[in-house]
C-alpha cells in the first residue's frame, strides 16, 4: 500500500507519460479537488487572520487616541478645578441665597472663562 503523496506522484508521473487509465484519472481529479479545497480553506483562514490583525491595529490606534484624550481632559480638569472651587466660594460669599446653585454656576464660569477669578473682597 502506498501513501497519499506517493500515490499522487505516481498518478502525476503516469499523466505526464500519457498512460493514465480512466480510473486513475478519477483518482487524480479527486486528489486535486481535495488539495484545492485545502488551499481554499487556508486562504480563507489567512484572510480572516489579516482582517483580525487590521482590526486589532485599528483598535489599538483608537485606544491610543482615547488615552491621549483622557490625559488631555485630566489636565484640563486639574487646571479648572481650583478656579471652579474659588468661583463657588466667591458666589456663596457674595450671594448666600445662591449657595445651592453655586457649584453649577462655578462650573459654567470655569469652563467659559478658563482664567483664575479675581477676589471681590
PDB file of N, CA and C in Angstrom:
ATOM      1  N   UNK A   1       0.853  -1.185   0.000  1.00  0.00           N
ATOM      2  CA  UNK A   1       0.000   0.000   0.000  1.00  0.00           C
ATOM      3  C   UNK A   1       0.895   1.243   0.000  1.00  0.00           C
ATOM      4  N   UNK A   2       0.569   2.222  -0.801  1.00  0.00           N
ATOM      5  CA  UNK A   2       1.372   3.436  -0.905  1.00  0.00           C
ATOM      6  C   UNK A   2       0.699   4.557  -0.117  1.00  0.00           C
ATOM      7  N   UNK A   3       1.516   5.535   0.279  1.00  0.00           N
ATOM      8  CA  UNK A   3       0.959   6.698   0.981  1.00  0.00           C
ATOM      9  C   UNK A   3       0.338   7.641  -0.036  1.00  0.00           C
ATOM     10  N   UNK A   4      -0.434   8.577   0.461  1.00  0.00           N
ATOM     11  CA  UNK A   4      -1.120   9.511  -0.443  1.00  0.00           C
ATOM     12  C   UNK A   4      -0.130  10.311  -1.294  1.00  0.00           C
ATOM     13  N   UNK A   5       0.948  10.885  -0.716  1.00  0.00           N
ATOM     14  CA  UNK A   5       1.885  11.617  -1.576  1.00  0.00           C
ATOM     15  C   UNK A   5       2.535  10.714  -2.640  1.00  0.00           C
ATOM     16  N   UNK A   6       2.874   9.481  -2.254  1.00  0.00           N
ATOM     17  CA  UNK A   6       3.463   8.558  -3.239  1.00  0.00           C
ATOM     18  C   UNK A   6       2.460   8.243  -4.341  1.00  0.00           C
ATOM     19  N   UNK A   7       1.230   8.015  -3.963  1.00  0.00           N
ATOM     20  CA  UNK A   7       0.183   7.716  -4.949  1.00  0.00           C
ATOM     21  C   UNK A   7      -0.024   8.906  -5.875  1.00  0.00           C
ATOM     22  N   UNK A   8      -0.022  10.105  -5.335  1.00  0.00           N
ATOM     23  CA  UNK A   8      -0.195  11.306  -6.133  1.00  0.00           C
ATOM     24  C   UNK A   8       0.959  11.457  -7.122  1.00  0.00           C
ATOM     25  N   UNK A   9       2.177  11.242  -6.665  1.00  0.00           N
ATOM     26  CA  UNK A   9       3.339  11.317  -7.559  1.00  0.00           C
ATOM     27  C   UNK A   9       3.244  10.256  -8.665  1.00  0.00           C
ATOM     28  N   UNK A  10       2.813   9.079  -8.289  1.00  0.00           N
ATOM     29  CA  UNK A  10       2.642   8.007  -9.266  1.00  0.00           C
ATOM     30  C   UNK A  10       1.618   8.405 -10.339  1.00  0.00           C
ATOM     31  N   UNK A  11       0.482   8.949  -9.896  1.00  0.00           N
ATOM     32  CA  UNK A  11      -0.554   9.355 -10.850  1.00  0.00           C
ATOM     33  C   UNK A  11      -0.070  10.500 -11.742  1.00  0.00           C
ATOM     34  N   UNK A  12       0.658  11.451 -11.159  1.00  0.00           N
ATOM     35  CA  UNK A  12       1.188  12.558 -11.957  1.00  0.00           C
ATOM     36  C   UNK A  12       2.198  12.054 -12.986  1.00  0.00           C
ATOM     37  N   UNK A  13       3.038  11.129 -12.567  1.00  0.00           N
ATOM     38  CA  UNK A  13       4.013  10.541 -13.491  1.00  0.00           C
ATOM     39  C   UNK A  13       3.299   9.871 -14.665  1.00  0.00           C
ATOM     40  N   UNK A  14       2.271   9.117 -14.366  1.00  0.00           N
ATOM     41  CA  UNK A  14       1.521   8.420 -15.428  1.00  0.00           C
ATOM     42  C   UNK A  14       0.802   9.438 -16.337  1.00  0.00           C
ATOM     43  N   UNK A  15       0.320  10.544 -15.721  1.00  0.00           N
ATOM     44  CA  UNK A  15      -0.327  11.586 -16.520  1.00  0.00           C
ATOM     45  C   UNK A  15       0.668  12.203 -17.492  1.00  0.00           C
ATOM     46  N   UNK A  16       1.867  12.515 -16.997  1.00  0.00           N
ATOM     47  CA  UNK A  16       2.891  13.136 -17.845  1.00  0.00           C
ATOM     48  C   UNK A  16       3.353  12.199 -18.965  1.00  0.00           C
ATOM     49  N   UNK A  17       3.329  10.911 -18.706  1.00  0.00           N
ATOM     50  CA  UNK A  17       3.714   9.936 -19.740  1.00  0.00           C
ATOM     51  C   UNK A  17       2.528   9.581 -20.637  1.00  0.00           C
ATOM     52  N   UNK A  18       1.366  10.184 -20.334  1.00  0.00           N
ATOM     53  CA  UNK A  18       0.143   9.979 -21.109  1.00  0.00           C
ATOM     54  C   UNK A  18      -0.298   8.510 -21.145  1.00  0.00           C
ATOM     55  N   UNK A  19      -0.179   7.861 -19.957  1.00  0.00           N
ATOM     56  CA  UNK A  19      -0.612   6.464 -19.856  1.00  0.00           C
ATOM     57  C   UNK A  19      -1.595   6.286 -18.707  1.00  0.00           C
ATOM     58  N   UNK A  20      -2.256   7.359 -18.356  1.00  0.00           N
ATOM     59  CA  UNK A  20      -3.199   7.331 -17.229  1.00  0.00           C
ATOM     60  C   UNK A  20      -4.477   6.616 -17.639  1.00  0.00           C
ATOM     61  N   UNK A  21      -4.883   5.670 -16.821  1.00  0.00           N
ATOM     62  CA  UNK A  21      -6.126   4.940 -17.058  1.00  0.00           C
ATOM     63  C   UNK A  21      -7.315   5.787 -16.605  1.00  0.00           C
ATOM     64  N   UNK A  22      -8.508   5.538 -17.131  1.00  0.00           N
ATOM     65  CA  UNK A  22      -9.690   6.316 -16.722  1.00  0.00           C
ATOM     66  C   UNK A  22      -9.917   6.283 -15.208  1.00  0.00           C
ATOM     67  N   UNK A  23      -9.727   5.130 -14.584  1.00  0.00           N
ATOM     68  CA  UNK A  23      -9.902   5.031 -13.125  1.00  0.00           C
ATOM     69  C   UNK A  23      -8.874   5.897 -12.408  1.00  0.00           C
ATOM     70  N   UNK A  24      -7.653   5.937 -12.922  1.00  0.00           N
ATOM     71  CA  UNK A  24      -6.592   6.747 -12.320  1.00  0.00           C
ATOM     72  C   UNK A  24      -6.868   8.241 -12.526  1.00  0.00           C
ATOM     73  N   UNK A  25      -7.468   8.579 -13.656  1.00  0.00           N
ATOM     74  CA  UNK A  25      -7.849   9.981 -13.899  1.00  0.00           C
ATOM     75  C   UNK A  25      -8.825  10.464 -12.831  1.00  0.00           C
ATOM     76  N   UNK A  26      -9.794   9.629 -12.499  1.00  0.00           N
ATOM     77  CA  UNK A  26     -10.766   9.978 -11.462  1.00  0.00           C
ATOM     78  C   UNK A  26     -10.077  10.124 -10.105  1.00  0.00           C
ATOM     79  N   UNK A  27      -9.134   9.225  -9.819  1.00  0.00           N
ATOM     80  CA  UNK A  27      -8.387   9.311  -8.553  1.00  0.00           C
ATOM     81  C   UNK A  27      -7.573  10.603  -8.498  1.00  0.00           C
ATOM     82  N   UNK A  28      -6.908  10.924  -9.610  1.00  0.00           N
ATOM     83  CA  UNK A  28      -6.103  12.143  -9.663  1.00  0.00           C
ATOM     84  C   UNK A  28      -6.993  13.381  -9.538  1.00  0.00           C
ATOM     85  N   UNK A  29      -8.112  13.391 -10.227  1.00  0.00           N
ATOM     86  CA  UNK A  29      -9.041  14.519 -10.148  1.00  0.00           C
ATOM     87  C   UNK A  29      -9.557  14.699  -8.719  1.00  0.00           C
ATOM     88  N   UNK A  30      -9.869  13.591  -8.048  1.00  0.00           N
ATOM     89  CA  UNK A  30     -10.334  13.669  -6.654  1.00  0.00           C
ATOM     90  C   UNK A  30      -9.255  14.227  -5.738  1.00  0.00           C
ATOM     91  N   UNK A  31      -8.006  13.780  -5.954  1.00  0.00           N
ATOM     92  CA  UNK A  31      -6.891  14.273  -5.130  1.00  0.00           C
ATOM     93  C   UNK A  31      -6.671  15.769  -5.369  1.00  0.00           C
ATOM     94  N   UNK A  32      -6.744  16.191  -6.626  1.00  0.00           N
ATOM     95  CA  UNK A  32      -6.566  17.610  -6.948  1.00  0.00           C
ATOM     96  C   UNK A  32      -7.695  18.443  -6.335  1.00  0.00           C
ATOM     97  N   UNK A  33      -8.929  17.948  -6.399  1.00  0.00           N
ATOM     98  CA  UNK A  33     -10.056  18.665  -5.781  1.00  0.00           C
ATOM     99  C   UNK A  33      -9.851  18.808  -4.274  1.00  0.00           C
ATOM    100  N   UNK A  34      -9.390  17.740  -3.637  1.00  0.00           N
ATOM    101  CA  UNK A  34      -9.135  17.766  -2.194  1.00  0.00           C
ATOM    102  C   UNK A  34      -8.050  18.792  -1.860  1.00  0.00           C
ATOM    103  N   UNK A  35      -6.967  18.776  -2.638  1.00  0.00           N
ATOM    104  CA  UNK A  35      -5.891  19.753  -2.400  1.00  0.00           C
ATOM    105  C   UNK A  35      -6.371  21.181  -2.640  1.00  0.00           C
ATOM    106  N   UNK A  36      -7.183  21.375  -3.666  1.00  0.00           N
ATOM    107  CA  UNK A  36      -7.714  22.711  -3.942  1.00  0.00           C
ATOM    108  C   UNK A  36      -8.614  23.186  -2.806  1.00  0.00           C
ATOM    109  N   UNK A  37      -9.412  22.281  -2.261  1.00  0.00           N
ATOM    110  CA  UNK A  37     -10.273  22.635  -1.128  1.00  0.00           C
ATOM    111  C   UNK A  37      -9.428  23.036   0.080  1.00  0.00           C
ATOM    112  N   UNK A  38      -8.335  22.315   0.311  1.00  0.00           N
ATOM    113  CA  UNK A  38      -7.441  22.656   1.432  1.00  0.00           C
ATOM    114  C   UNK A  38      -6.812  24.030   1.221  1.00  0.00           C
ATOM    115  N   UNK A  39      -6.370  24.295  -0.008  1.00  0.00           N
ATOM    116  CA  UNK A  39      -5.779  25.606  -0.316  1.00  0.00           C
ATOM    117  C   UNK A  39      -6.811  26.708  -0.102  1.00  0.00           C
ATOM    118  N   UNK A  40      -8.034  26.479  -0.565  1.00  0.00           N
ATOM    119  CA  UNK A  40      -9.098  27.478  -0.372  1.00  0.00           C
ATOM    120  C   UNK A  40      -9.359  27.723   1.108  1.00  0.00           C
ATOM    121  N   UNK A  41      -9.391  26.653   1.907  1.00  0.00           N
ATOM    122  CA  UNK A  41      -9.589  26.794   3.351  1.00  0.00           C
ATOM    123  C   UNK A  41      -8.455  27.597   3.979  1.00  0.00           C
ATOM    124  N   UNK A  42      -7.225  27.301   3.564  1.00  0.00           N
ATOM    125  CA  UNK A  42      -6.080  28.023   4.116  1.00  0.00           C
ATOM    126  C   UNK A  42      -6.099  29.489   3.703  1.00  0.00           C
ATOM    127  N   UNK A  43      -6.490  29.755   2.452  1.00  0.00           N
ATOM    128  CA  UNK A  43      -6.601  31.149   2.010  1.00  0.00           C
ATOM    129  C   UNK A  43      -7.673  31.887   2.807  1.00  0.00           C
ATOM    130  N   UNK A  44      -8.788  31.211   3.046  1.00  0.00           N
ATOM    131  CA  UNK A  44      -9.851  31.825   3.852  1.00  0.00           C
ATOM    132  C   UNK A  44      -9.377  32.118   5.266  1.00  0.00           C
ATOM    133  N   UNK A  45      -8.656  31.177   5.847  1.00  0.00           N
ATOM    134  CA  UNK A  45      -8.130  31.378   7.204  1.00  0.00           C
ATOM    135  C   UNK A  45      -7.117  32.520   7.227  1.00  0.00           C
ATOM    136  N   UNK A  46      -6.295  32.608   6.193  1.00  0.00           N
ATOM    137  CA  UNK A  46      -5.317  33.694   6.120  1.00  0.00           C
ATOM    138  C   UNK A  46      -6.018  35.041   5.990  1.00  0.00           C
ATOM    139  N   UNK A  47      -7.080  35.108   5.192  1.00  0.00           N
ATOM    140  CA  UNK A  47      -7.844  36.355   5.055  1.00  0.00           C
ATOM    141  C   UNK A  47      -8.453  36.781   6.386  1.00  0.00           C
ATOM    142  N   UNK A  48      -8.988  35.819   7.114  1.00  0.00           N
ATOM    143  CA  UNK A  48      -9.567  36.113   8.434  1.00  0.00           C
ATOM    144  C   UNK A  48      -8.478  36.621   9.376  1.00  0.00           C
ATOM    145  N   UNK A  49      -7.314  35.994   9.341  1.00  0.00           N
ATOM    146  CA  UNK A  49      -6.218  36.422  10.209  1.00  0.00           C
ATOM    147  C   UNK A  49      -5.761  37.835   9.863  1.00  0.00           C
ATOM    148  N   UNK A  50      -5.675  38.153   8.589  1.00  0.00           N
ATOM    149  CA  UNK A  50      -5.271  39.504   8.166  1.00  0.00           C
ATOM    150  C   UNK A  50      -6.291  40.527   8.633  1.00  0.00           C
ATOM    151  N   UNK A  51      -7.577  40.213   8.466  1.00  0.00           N
ATOM    152  CA  UNK A  51      -8.626  41.142   8.934  1.00  0.00           C
ATOM    153  C   UNK A  51      -8.548  41.327  10.445  1.00  0.00           C
ATOM    154  N   UNK A  52      -8.290  40.242  11.163  1.00  0.00           N
ATOM    155  CA  UNK A  52      -8.195  40.334  12.625  1.00  0.00           C
ATOM    156  C   UNK A  52      -7.031  41.228  13.041  1.00  0.00           C
ATOM    157  N   UNK A  53      -5.891  41.081  12.365  1.00  0.00           N
ATOM    158  CA  UNK A  53      -4.732  41.927  12.684  1.00  0.00           C
ATOM    159  C   UNK A  53      -5.046  43.388  12.384  1.00  0.00           C
ATOM    160  N   UNK A  54      -5.704  43.640  11.256  1.00  0.00           N
ATOM    161  CA  UNK A  54      -6.072  45.026  10.925  1.00  0.00           C
ATOM    162  C   UNK A  54      -7.011  45.609  11.976  1.00  0.00           C
ATOM    163  N   UNK A  55      -7.997  44.821  12.403  1.00  0.00           N
ATOM    164  CA  UNK A  55      -8.924  45.299  13.434  1.00  0.00           C
ATOM    165  C   UNK A  55      -8.202  45.569  14.747  1.00  0.00           C
ATOM    166  N   UNK A  56      -7.267  44.690  15.099  1.00  0.00           N
ATOM    167  CA  UNK A  56      -6.506  44.910  16.336  1.00  0.00           C
ATOM    168  C   UNK A  56      -5.676  46.190  16.230  1.00  0.00           C
ATOM    169  N   UNK A  57      -5.081  46.434  15.064  1.00  0.00           N
ATOM    170  CA  UNK A  57      -4.306  47.661  14.879  1.00  0.00           C
ATOM    171  C   UNK A  57      -5.184  48.897  14.967  1.00  0.00           C
ATOM    172  N   UNK A  58      -6.361  48.826  14.339  1.00  0.00           N
ATOM    173  CA  UNK A  58      -7.300  49.955  14.410  1.00  0.00           C
ATOM    174  C   UNK A  58      -7.760  50.185  15.848  1.00  0.00           C
ATOM    175  N   UNK A  59      -8.060  49.095  16.542  1.00  0.00           N
ATOM    176  CA  UNK A  59      -8.490  49.214  17.941  1.00  0.00           C
ATOM    177  C   UNK A  59      -7.371  49.807  18.791  1.00  0.00           C
ATOM    178  N   UNK A  60      -6.143  49.409  18.519  1.00  0.00           N
ATOM    179  CA  UNK A  60      -5.003  49.972  19.257  1.00  0.00           C
ATOM    180  C   UNK A  60      -4.854  51.457  19.007  1.00  0.00           C
ATOM    181  N   UNK A  61      -5.043  51.868  17.745  1.00  0.00           N
ATOM    182  CA  UNK A  61      -4.946  53.293  17.418  1.00  0.00           C
ATOM    183  C   UNK A  61      -6.071  54.072  18.100  1.00  0.00           C
ATOM    184  N   UNK A  62      -7.273  53.499  18.105  1.00  0.00           N
ATOM    185  CA  UNK A  62      -8.402  54.156  18.783  1.00  0.00           C
ATOM    186  C   UNK A  62      -8.149  54.243  20.285  1.00  0.00           C
ATOM    187  N   UNK A  63      -7.599  53.167  20.840  1.00  0.00           N
ATOM    188  CA  UNK A  63      -7.290  53.171  22.273  1.00  0.00           C
ATOM    189  C   UNK A  63      -6.258  54.243  22.586  1.00  0.00           C
ATOM    190  N   UNK A  64      -5.215  54.342  21.758  1.00  0.00           N
ATOM    191  CA  UNK A  64      -4.180  55.353  21.983  1.00  0.00           C
ATOM    192  C   UNK A  64      -4.757  56.760  21.903  1.00  0.00           C
ATOM    193  N   UNK A  65      -5.625  56.982  20.925  1.00  0.00           N
ATOM    194  CA  UNK A  65      -6.257  58.301  20.787  1.00  0.00           C
ATOM    195  C   UNK A  65      -7.151  58.606  21.998  1.00  0.00           C
ATOM    196  N   UNK A  66      -7.884  57.590  22.452  1.00  0.00           N
ATOM    197  CA  UNK A  66      -8.756  57.778  23.623  1.00  0.00           C
ATOM    198  C   UNK A  66      -7.926  58.064  24.877  1.00  0.00           C
ATOM    199  N   UNK A  67      -6.812  57.352  25.026  1.00  0.00           N
ATOM    200  CA  UNK A  67      -5.956  57.592  26.189  1.00  0.00           C
ATOM    201  C   UNK A  67      -5.360  58.997  26.150  1.00  0.00           C
ATOM    202  N   UNK A  68      -4.977  59.449  24.963  1.00  0.00           N
ATOM    203  CA  UNK A  68      -4.448  60.809  24.827  1.00  0.00           C
ATOM    204  C   UNK A  68      -5.521  61.834  25.188  1.00  0.00           C
ATOM    205  N   UNK A  69      -6.749  61.584  24.741  1.00  0.00           N
ATOM    206  CA  UNK A  69      -7.860  62.496  25.058  1.00  0.00           C
ATOM    207  C   UNK A  69      -8.139  62.511  26.560  1.00  0.00           C
ATOM    208  N   UNK A  70      -8.077  61.337  27.186  1.00  0.00           N
ATOM    209  CA  UNK A  70      -8.285  61.269  28.637  1.00  0.00           C
ATOM    210  C   UNK A  70      -7.206  62.077  29.361  1.00  0.00           C
ATOM    211  N   UNK A  71      -5.954  61.926  28.934  1.00  0.00           N
ATOM    212  CA  UNK A  71      -4.875  62.703  29.560  1.00  0.00           C
ATOM    213  C   UNK A  71      -5.100  64.199  29.377  1.00  0.00           C
ATOM    214  N   UNK A  72      -5.548  64.574  28.174  1.00  0.00           N
ATOM    215  CA  UNK A  72      -5.833  65.982  27.891  1.00  0.00           C
ATOM    216  C   UNK A  72      -6.940  66.503  28.797  1.00  0.00           C
ATOM    217  N   UNK A  73      -8.011  65.722  28.944  1.00  0.00           N
ATOM    218  CA  UNK A  73      -9.123  66.142  29.794  1.00  0.00           C
ATOM    219  C   UNK A  73      -8.742  66.169  31.272  1.00  0.00           C
ATOM    220  N   UNK A  74      -7.936  65.203  31.696  1.00  0.00           N
ATOM    221  CA  UNK A  74      -7.481  65.206  33.087  1.00  0.00           C
ATOM    222  C   UNK A  74      -6.660  66.447  33.385  1.00  0.00           C
ATOM    223  N   UNK A  75      -5.830  66.845  32.430  1.00  0.00           N
ATOM    224  CA  UNK A  75      -5.037  68.064  32.595  1.00  0.00           C
ATOM    225  C   UNK A  75      -5.943  69.282  32.696  1.00  0.00           C
ATOM    226  N   UNK A  76      -6.958  69.303  31.839  1.00  0.00           N
ATOM    227  CA  UNK A  76      -7.898  70.430  31.853  1.00  0.00           C
ATOM    228  C   UNK A  76      -8.675  70.476  33.169  1.00  0.00           C
ATOM    229  N   UNK A  77      -9.130  69.320  33.634  1.00  0.00           N
ATOM    230  CA  UNK A  77      -9.862  69.269  34.910  1.00  0.00           C
ATOM    231  C   UNK A  77      -8.971  69.745  36.045  1.00  0.00           C
ATOM    232  N   UNK A  78      -7.718  69.301  36.037  1.00  0.00           N
ATOM    233  CA  UNK A  78      -6.798  69.728  37.103  1.00  0.00           C
ATOM    234  C   UNK A  78      -6.587  71.237  37.072  1.00  0.00           C
ATOM    235  N   UNK A  79      -6.568  71.808  35.869  1.00  0.00           N
ATOM    236  CA  UNK A  79      -6.380  73.248  35.739  1.00  0.00           C
ATOM    237  C   UNK A  79      -7.642  74.004  36.156  1.00  0.00           C
ATOM    238  N   UNK A  80      -8.829  73.465  35.846  1.00  0.00           N
ATOM    239  CA  UNK A  80     -10.075  74.185  36.104  1.00  0.00           C
ATOM    240  C   UNK A  80     -10.619  73.992  37.518  1.00  0.00           C
ATOM    241  N   UNK A  81     -10.299  72.884  38.157  1.00  0.00           N
ATOM    242  CA  UNK A  81     -10.875  72.596  39.475  1.00  0.00           C
ATOM    243  C   UNK A  81     -10.583  73.686  40.503  1.00  0.00           C
ATOM    244  N   UNK A  82      -9.339  74.161  40.623  1.00  0.00           N
ATOM    245  CA  UNK A  82      -9.116  75.239  41.608  1.00  0.00           C
ATOM    246  C   UNK A  82      -9.944  76.487  41.284  1.00  0.00           C
ATOM    247  N   UNK A  83     -10.048  76.840  39.992  1.00  0.00           N
ATOM    248  CA  UNK A  83     -10.858  78.010  39.612  1.00  0.00           C
ATOM    249  C   UNK A  83     -12.317  77.788  39.967  1.00  0.00           C
ATOM    250  N   UNK A  84     -12.818  76.583  39.694  1.00  0.00           N
ATOM    251  CA  UNK A  84     -14.210  76.268  39.974  1.00  0.00           C
ATOM    252  C   UNK A  84     -14.484  76.404  41.467  1.00  0.00           C
ATOM    253  N   UNK A  85     -13.602  75.863  42.274  1.00  0.00           N
ATOM    254  CA  UNK A  85     -13.772  75.950  43.729  1.00  0.00           C
ATOM    255  C   UNK A  85     -13.740  77.405  44.181  1.00  0.00           C
ATOM    256  N   UNK A  86     -12.818  78.156  43.621  1.00  0.00           N
ATOM    257  CA  UNK A  86     -12.730  79.577  44.007  1.00  0.00           C
ATOM    258  C   UNK A  86     -13.982  80.334  43.556  1.00  0.00           C
ATOM    259  N   UNK A  87     -14.470  80.049  42.341  1.00  0.00           N
ATOM    260  CA  UNK A  87     -15.717  80.682  41.869  1.00  0.00           C
ATOM    261  C   UNK A  87     -16.874  80.354  42.810  1.00  0.00           C
ATOM    262  N   UNK A  88     -16.998  79.097  43.183  1.00  0.00           N
ATOM    263  CA  UNK A  88     -18.088  78.695  44.075  1.00  0.00           C
ATOM    264  C   UNK A  88     -17.993  79.437  45.410  1.00  0.00           C
ATOM    265  N   UNK A  89     -16.785  79.566  45.926  1.00  0.00           N
ATOM    266  CA  UNK A  89     -16.605  80.303  47.184  1.00  0.00           C
ATOM    267  C   UNK A  89     -16.998  81.769  47.039  1.00  0.00           C
ATOM    268  N   UNK A  90     -16.580  82.375  45.939  1.00  0.00           N
ATOM    269  CA  UNK A  90     -16.914  83.788  45.708  1.00  0.00           C
ATOM    270  C   UNK A  90     -18.425  83.959  45.578  1.00  0.00           C
ATOM    271  N   UNK A  91     -19.084  83.068  44.858  1.00  0.00           N
ATOM    272  CA  UNK A  91     -20.536  83.170  44.651  1.00  0.00           C
ATOM    273  C   UNK A  91     -21.281  83.009  45.971  1.00  0.00           C
ATOM    274  N   UNK A  92     -20.922  81.991  46.756  1.00  0.00           N
ATOM    275  CA  UNK A  92     -21.646  81.771  48.013  1.00  0.00           C
ATOM    276  C   UNK A  92     -21.358  82.873  49.026  1.00  0.00           C
ATOM    277  N   UNK A  93     -20.152  83.434  48.961  1.00  0.00           N
ATOM    278  CA  UNK A  93     -19.838  84.540  49.874  1.00  0.00           C
ATOM    279  C   UNK A  93     -20.591  85.801  49.473  1.00  0.00           C
ATOM    280  N   UNK A  94     -20.603  86.085  48.189  1.00  0.00           N
ATOM    281  CA  UNK A  94     -21.229  87.311  47.696  1.00  0.00           C
ATOM    282  C   UNK A  94     -22.753  87.194  47.658  1.00  0.00           C
ATOM    283  N   UNK A  95     -23.250  86.007  47.270  1.00  0.00           N
ATOM    284  CA  UNK A  95     -24.690  85.787  47.141  1.00  0.00           C
ATOM    285  C   UNK A  95     -25.085  84.516  47.901  1.00  0.00           C
ATOM    286  N   UNK A  96     -25.264  84.609  49.220  1.00  0.00           N
ATOM    287  CA  UNK A  96     -25.576  83.408  50.015  1.00  0.00           C
ATOM    288  C   UNK A  96     -26.834  82.676  49.542  1.00  0.00           C
ATOM    289  N   UNK A  97     -27.782  83.375  48.951  1.00  0.00           N
ATOM    290  CA  UNK A  97     -29.021  82.729  48.504  1.00  0.00           C
ATOM    291  C   UNK A  97     -28.748  81.766  47.329  1.00  0.00           C
ATOM    292  N   UNK A  98     -27.622  81.925  46.665  1.00  0.00           N
ATOM    293  CA  UNK A  98     -27.292  81.070  45.512  1.00  0.00           C
ATOM    294  C   UNK A  98     -26.421  79.874  45.895  1.00  0.00           C
ATOM    295  N   UNK A  99     -26.310  79.586  47.188  1.00  0.00           N
ATOM    296  CA  UNK A  99     -25.379  78.530  47.622  1.00  0.00           C
ATOM    297  C   UNK A  99     -25.700  77.173  47.005  1.00  0.00           C
ATOM    298  N   UNK A 100     -26.981  76.876  46.730  1.00  0.00           N
ATOM    299  CA  UNK A 100     -27.339  75.580  46.147  1.00  0.00           C
ATOM    300  C   UNK A 100     -26.998  75.514  44.652  1.00  0.00           C
ATOM    301  N   UNK A 101     -26.973  76.654  43.996  1.00  0.00           N
ATOM    302  CA  UNK A 101     -26.658  76.690  42.565  1.00  0.00           C
ATOM    303  C   UNK A 101     -25.210  77.091  42.306  1.00  0.00           C
ATOM    304  N   UNK A 102     -24.484  77.404  43.356  1.00  0.00           N
ATOM    305  CA  UNK A 102     -23.121  77.925  43.201  1.00  0.00           C
ATOM    306  C   UNK A 102     -22.207  76.952  42.456  1.00  0.00           C
ATOM    307  N   UNK A 103     -22.322  75.675  42.748  1.00  0.00           N
ATOM    308  CA  UNK A 103     -21.454  74.706  42.072  1.00  0.00           C
ATOM    309  C   UNK A 103     -21.703  74.685  40.570  1.00  0.00           C
ATOM    310  N   UNK A 104     -22.976  74.669  40.179  1.00  0.00           N
ATOM    311  CA  UNK A 104     -23.292  74.663  38.743  1.00  0.00           C
ATOM    312  C   UNK A 104     -22.830  75.953  38.074  1.00  0.00           C
ATOM    313  N   UNK A 105     -23.078  77.060  38.724  1.00  0.00           N
ATOM    314  CA  UNK A 105     -22.659  78.351  38.168  1.00  0.00           C
ATOM    315  C   UNK A 105     -21.129  78.384  38.056  1.00  0.00           C
ATOM    316  N   UNK A 106     -20.448  77.914  39.073  1.00  0.00           N
ATOM    317  CA  UNK A 106     -18.985  77.897  39.063  1.00  0.00           C
ATOM    318  C   UNK A 106     -18.451  77.012  37.939  1.00  0.00           C
ATOM    319  N   UNK A 107     -19.112  75.874  37.709  1.00  0.00           N
ATOM    320  CA  UNK A 107     -18.708  75.004  36.590  1.00  0.00           C
ATOM    321  C   UNK A 107     -18.776  75.762  35.278  1.00  0.00           C
ATOM    322  N   UNK A 108     -19.895  76.423  35.044  1.00  0.00           N
ATOM    323  CA  UNK A 108     -20.079  77.171  33.796  1.00  0.00           C
ATOM    324  C   UNK A 108     -19.071  78.307  33.673  1.00  0.00           C
ATOM    325  N   UNK A 109     -18.851  79.012  34.761  1.00  0.00           N
ATOM    326  CA  UNK A 109     -17.872  80.106  34.736  1.00  0.00           C
ATOM    327  C   UNK A 109     -16.466  79.577  34.457  1.00  0.00           C
ATOM    328  N   UNK A 110     -16.105  78.503  35.128  1.00  0.00           N
ATOM    329  CA  UNK A 110     -14.753  77.952  34.947  1.00  0.00           C
ATOM    330  C   UNK A 110     -14.533  77.528  33.503  1.00  0.00           C
ATOM    331  N   UNK A 111     -15.542  76.896  32.910  1.00  0.00           N
ATOM    332  CA  UNK A 111     -15.406  76.470  31.505  1.00  0.00           C
ATOM    333  C   UNK A 111     -15.390  77.666  30.569  1.00  0.00           C
ATOM    334  N   UNK A 112     -16.238  78.642  30.841  1.00  0.00           N
ATOM    335  CA  UNK A 112     -16.356  79.786  29.942  1.00  0.00           C
ATOM    336  C   UNK A 112     -15.131  80.697  30.014  1.00  0.00           C
ATOM    337  N   UNK A 113     -14.656  80.921  31.181  1.00  0.00           N
ATOM    338  CA  UNK A 113     -13.567  81.888  31.347  1.00  0.00           C
ATOM    339  C   UNK A 113     -12.188  81.244  31.287  1.00  0.00           C
ATOM    340  N   UNK A 114     -12.069  80.104  31.869  1.00  0.00           N
ATOM    341  CA  UNK A 114     -10.800  79.370  31.949  1.00  0.00           C
ATOM    342  C   UNK A 114      -9.642  80.268  32.367  1.00  0.00           C
ATOM    343  N   UNK A 115      -9.957  81.243  33.199  1.00  0.00           N
ATOM    344  CA  UNK A 115      -8.924  82.112  33.787  1.00  0.00           C
ATOM    345  C   UNK A 115      -9.189  82.190  35.270  1.00  0.00           C
ATOM    346  N   UNK A 116      -8.172  82.373  36.063  1.00  0.00           N
ATOM    347  CA  UNK A 116      -8.389  82.439  37.510  1.00  0.00           C
ATOM    348  C   UNK A 116      -9.279  83.619  37.881  1.00  0.00           C
ATOM    349  N   UNK A 117     -10.180  83.432  38.824  1.00  0.00           N
ATOM    350  CA  UNK A 117     -11.062  84.535  39.243  1.00  0.00           C
ATOM    351  C   UNK A 117     -10.296  85.530  40.123  1.00  0.00           C
ATOM    352  N   UNK A 118     -10.759  86.753  40.099  1.00  0.00           N
ATOM    353  CA  UNK A 118     -10.201  87.771  40.963  1.00  0.00           C
ATOM    354  C   UNK A 118     -11.050  87.864  42.228  1.00  0.00           C
ATOM    355  N   UNK A 119     -10.410  88.077  43.324  1.00  0.00           N
ATOM    356  CA  UNK A 119     -11.146  88.186  44.592  1.00  0.00           C
ATOM    357  C   UNK A 119     -11.973  89.455  44.554  1.00  0.00           C
ATOM    358  N   UNK A 120     -13.201  89.359  45.078  1.00  0.00           N
ATOM    359  CA  UNK A 120     -14.098  90.523  45.068  1.00  0.00           C
ATOM    360  C   UNK A 120     -13.972  91.321  46.345  1.00  0.00           C
ATOM    361  N   UNK A 121     -13.324  90.742  47.339  1.00  0.00           N
ATOM    362  CA  UNK A 121     -13.221  91.470  48.613  1.00  0.00           C
ATOM    363  C   UNK A 121     -11.801  91.645  48.999  1.00  0.00           C
TER     364      UNK A 121
END
